[in-house]
Amino acid sequence: MTRTYDYEGYTLEISAEAEVKTGTNFREAVWTRTGYVAIVRIFRAQTTVAMFSPLRFGEAGGRPFASEADALMGGFSAASKIVDDLFCHDPH
């Protein structure tokens, strides 16, 4: 699932991706979904080139988010903080 938001002159593209792990026994390729990660891309408004490579975010402690909705909201929060901290600060 992907969502796009306009924020302070930037476009934030947030995707939720399932975090999947395989079993340790290669003969029994057991796939288990452990949660979701947020994939964040930040663009200047009206451009097609991202300002950074895609960034991956999980919850605190490196754990994945429990749901797609949590991943999207967590990704938006992280992206808006990046924009605020790097591009919208007063230089004085």
C-alpha atoms as a PDB file:
ATOM      1  CA  MET A   1       0.000   0.000   0.000  1.00  0.00           C
ATOM      2  CA  THR A   2       1.374   3.416  -0.928  1.00  0.00           C
ATOM      3  CA  ARG A   3       0.226   6.873   0.138  1.00  0.00           C
ATOM      4  CA  THR A   4       1.428  10.287  -1.033  1.00  0.00           C
ATOM      5  CA  TYR A   5       1.273  13.428   1.086  1.00  0.00           C
ATOM      6  CA  ASP A   6       2.149  17.077   0.419  1.00  0.00           C
ATOM      7  CA  TYR A   7       4.076  18.556   3.323  1.00  0.00           C
ATOM      8  CA  GLU A   8       5.843  21.946   3.575  1.00  0.00           C
ATOM      9  CA  GLY A   9       6.617  22.097  -0.166  1.00  0.00           C
ATOM     10  CA  TYR A  10       7.731  18.454  -0.353  1.00  0.00           C
ATOM     11  CA  THR A  11       6.033  15.289  -1.489  1.00  0.00           C
ATOM     12  CA  LEU A  12       6.252  12.382   0.921  1.00  0.00           C
ATOM     13  CA  GLU A  13       5.704   8.947  -0.607  1.00  0.00           C
ATOM     14  CA  ILE A  14       5.094   6.345   2.094  1.00  0.00           C
ATOM     15  CA  SER A  15       4.721   2.624   1.372  1.00  0.00           C
ATOM     16  CA  ALA A  16       4.022  -0.241   3.747  1.00  0.00           C
ATOM     17  CA  GLU A  17       5.858  -3.454   2.952  1.00  0.00           C
ATOM     18  CA  ALA A  18       5.381  -6.812   4.641  1.00  0.00           C
ATOM     19  CA  GLU A  19       8.420  -7.945   6.590  1.00  0.00           C
ATOM     20  CA  VAL A  20       8.838 -11.649   5.935  1.00  0.00           C
ATOM     21  CA  LYS A  21      11.315 -14.133   7.409  1.00  0.00           C
ATOM     22  CA  THR A  22      12.120 -17.625   6.242  1.00  0.00           C
ATOM     23  CA  GLY A  23      12.634 -20.663   8.398  1.00  0.00           C
ATOM     24  CA  THR A  24      16.152 -21.821   9.200  1.00  0.00           C
ATOM     25  CA  ASN A  25      15.753 -25.210   7.527  1.00  0.00           C
ATOM     26  CA  PHE A  26      16.236 -24.743   3.767  1.00  0.00           C
ATOM     27  CA  ARG A  27      14.249 -27.906   3.029  1.00  0.00           C
ATOM     28  CA  GLU A  28      11.244 -26.433   4.757  1.00  0.00           C
ATOM     29  CA  ALA A  29      11.045 -22.934   3.378  1.00  0.00           C
ATOM     30  CA  VAL A  30       8.654 -21.614   5.972  1.00  0.00           C
ATOM     31  CA  TRP A  31       7.639 -18.015   5.388  1.00  0.00           C
ATOM     32  CA  THR A  32       6.272 -16.075   8.325  1.00  0.00           C
ATOM     33  CA  ARG A  33       5.087 -12.488   8.301  1.00  0.00           C
ATOM     34  CA  THR A  34       6.580 -10.659  11.239  1.00  0.00           C
ATOM     35  CA  GLY A  35       5.000  -7.252  10.574  1.00  0.00           C
ATOM     36  CA  TYR A  36       5.452  -4.256   8.275  1.00  0.00           C
ATOM     37  CA  VAL A  37       8.130  -1.695   7.500  1.00  0.00           C
ATOM     38  CA  ALA A  38       7.611   1.798   6.125  1.00  0.00           C
ATOM     39  CA  ILE A  39       9.455   2.744   2.933  1.00  0.00           C
ATOM     40  CA  VAL A  40       9.855   6.541   2.717  1.00  0.00           C
ATOM     41  CA  ARG A  41      10.791   8.641  -0.306  1.00  0.00           C
ATOM     42  CA  ILE A  42      11.015  12.436  -0.114  1.00  0.00           C
ATOM     43  CA  PHE A  43      10.723  14.650  -3.207  1.00  0.00           C
ATOM     44  CA  ARG A  44      10.685  18.386  -3.692  1.00  0.00           C
ATOM     45  CA  ALA A  45       7.185  19.278  -4.799  1.00  0.00           C
ATOM     46  CA  GLN A  46       6.683  18.930  -8.561  1.00  0.00           C
ATOM     47  CA  THR A  47       9.874  16.900  -9.143  1.00  0.00           C
ATOM     48  CA  THR A  48      10.396  13.235  -9.967  1.00  0.00           C
ATOM     49  CA  VAL A  49      13.842  12.750  -8.418  1.00  0.00           C
ATOM     50  CA  ALA A  50      13.917  11.789  -4.738  1.00  0.00           C
ATOM     51  CA  MET A  51      16.150  13.791  -2.406  1.00  0.00           C
ATOM     52  CA  PHE A  52      17.412  10.587  -0.728  1.00  0.00           C
ATOM     53  CA  SER A  53      17.518   6.912  -1.491  1.00  0.00           C
ATOM     54  CA  PRO A  54      14.413   5.194  -0.108  1.00  0.00           C
ATOM     55  CA  LEU A  55      14.542   4.969   3.682  1.00  0.00           C
ATOM     56  CA  ARG A  56      13.182   1.989   5.663  1.00  0.00           C
ATOM     57  CA  PHE A  57      11.636   2.507   9.083  1.00  0.00           C
ATOM     58  CA  GLY A  58      10.316   0.154  11.731  1.00  0.00           C
ATOM     59  CA  GLU A  59       9.237   0.743  15.294  1.00  0.00           C
ATOM     60  CA  ALA A  60      11.608   1.558  18.123  1.00  0.00           C
ATOM     61  CA  GLY A  61      14.180  -1.127  18.793  1.00  0.00           C
ATOM     62  CA  GLY A  62      14.228  -2.279  15.178  1.00  0.00           C
ATOM     63  CA  ARG A  63      10.930  -4.147  15.411  1.00  0.00           C
ATOM     64  CA  PRO A  64       8.509  -4.073  12.478  1.00  0.00           C
ATOM     65  CA  PHE A  65       5.154  -2.301  12.759  1.00  0.00           C
ATOM     66  CA  ALA A  66       2.188  -4.472  13.707  1.00  0.00           C
ATOM     67  CA  SER A  67      -0.068  -3.316  10.832  1.00  0.00           C
ATOM     68  CA  GLU A  68       0.023  -1.564   7.464  1.00  0.00           C
ATOM     69  CA  ALA A  69      -1.762   1.438   8.962  1.00  0.00           C
ATOM     70  CA  ASP A  70       0.859   1.711  11.727  1.00  0.00           C
ATOM     71  CA  ALA A  71       3.650   1.529   9.128  1.00  0.00           C
ATOM     72  CA  LEU A  72       2.068   4.275   7.012  1.00  0.00           C
ATOM     73  CA  MET A  73       1.578   6.582  10.005  1.00  0.00           C
ATOM     74  CA  GLY A  74       5.053   5.844  11.360  1.00  0.00           C
ATOM     75  CA  GLY A  75       6.556   6.496   7.925  1.00  0.00           C
ATOM     76  CA  PHE A  76       4.696   9.790   7.608  1.00  0.00           C
ATOM     77  CA  SER A  77       5.842  10.875  11.069  1.00  0.00           C
ATOM     78  CA  ALA A  78       9.469  10.027  10.246  1.00  0.00           C
ATOM     79  CA  ALA A  79       9.347  11.745   6.837  1.00  0.00           C
ATOM     80  CA  SER A  80       7.752  14.926   8.174  1.00  0.00           C
ATOM     81  CA  LYS A  81      10.362  15.074  10.959  1.00  0.00           C
ATOM     82  CA  ILE A  82      13.150  14.742   8.378  1.00  0.00           C
ATOM     83  CA  VAL A  83      11.685  17.602   6.346  1.00  0.00           C
ATOM     84  CA  ASP A  84      11.232  19.741   9.462  1.00  0.00           C
ATOM     85  CA  ASP A  85      14.744  19.065  10.756  1.00  0.00           C
ATOM     86  CA  LEU A  86      16.678  19.325   7.497  1.00  0.00           C
ATOM     87  CA  PHE A  87      14.770  21.755   5.315  1.00  0.00           C
ATOM     88  CA  CYS A  88      12.382  23.883   7.362  1.00  0.00           C
ATOM     89  CA  HIS A  89      14.563  25.236  10.133  1.00  0.00           C
ATOM     90  CA  ASP A  90      15.284  28.911  10.721  1.00  0.00           C
ATOM     91  CA  PRO A  91      19.027  29.502  10.122  1.00  0.00           C
ATOM     92  CA  HIS A  92      19.194  32.124  12.899  1.00  0.00           C
END
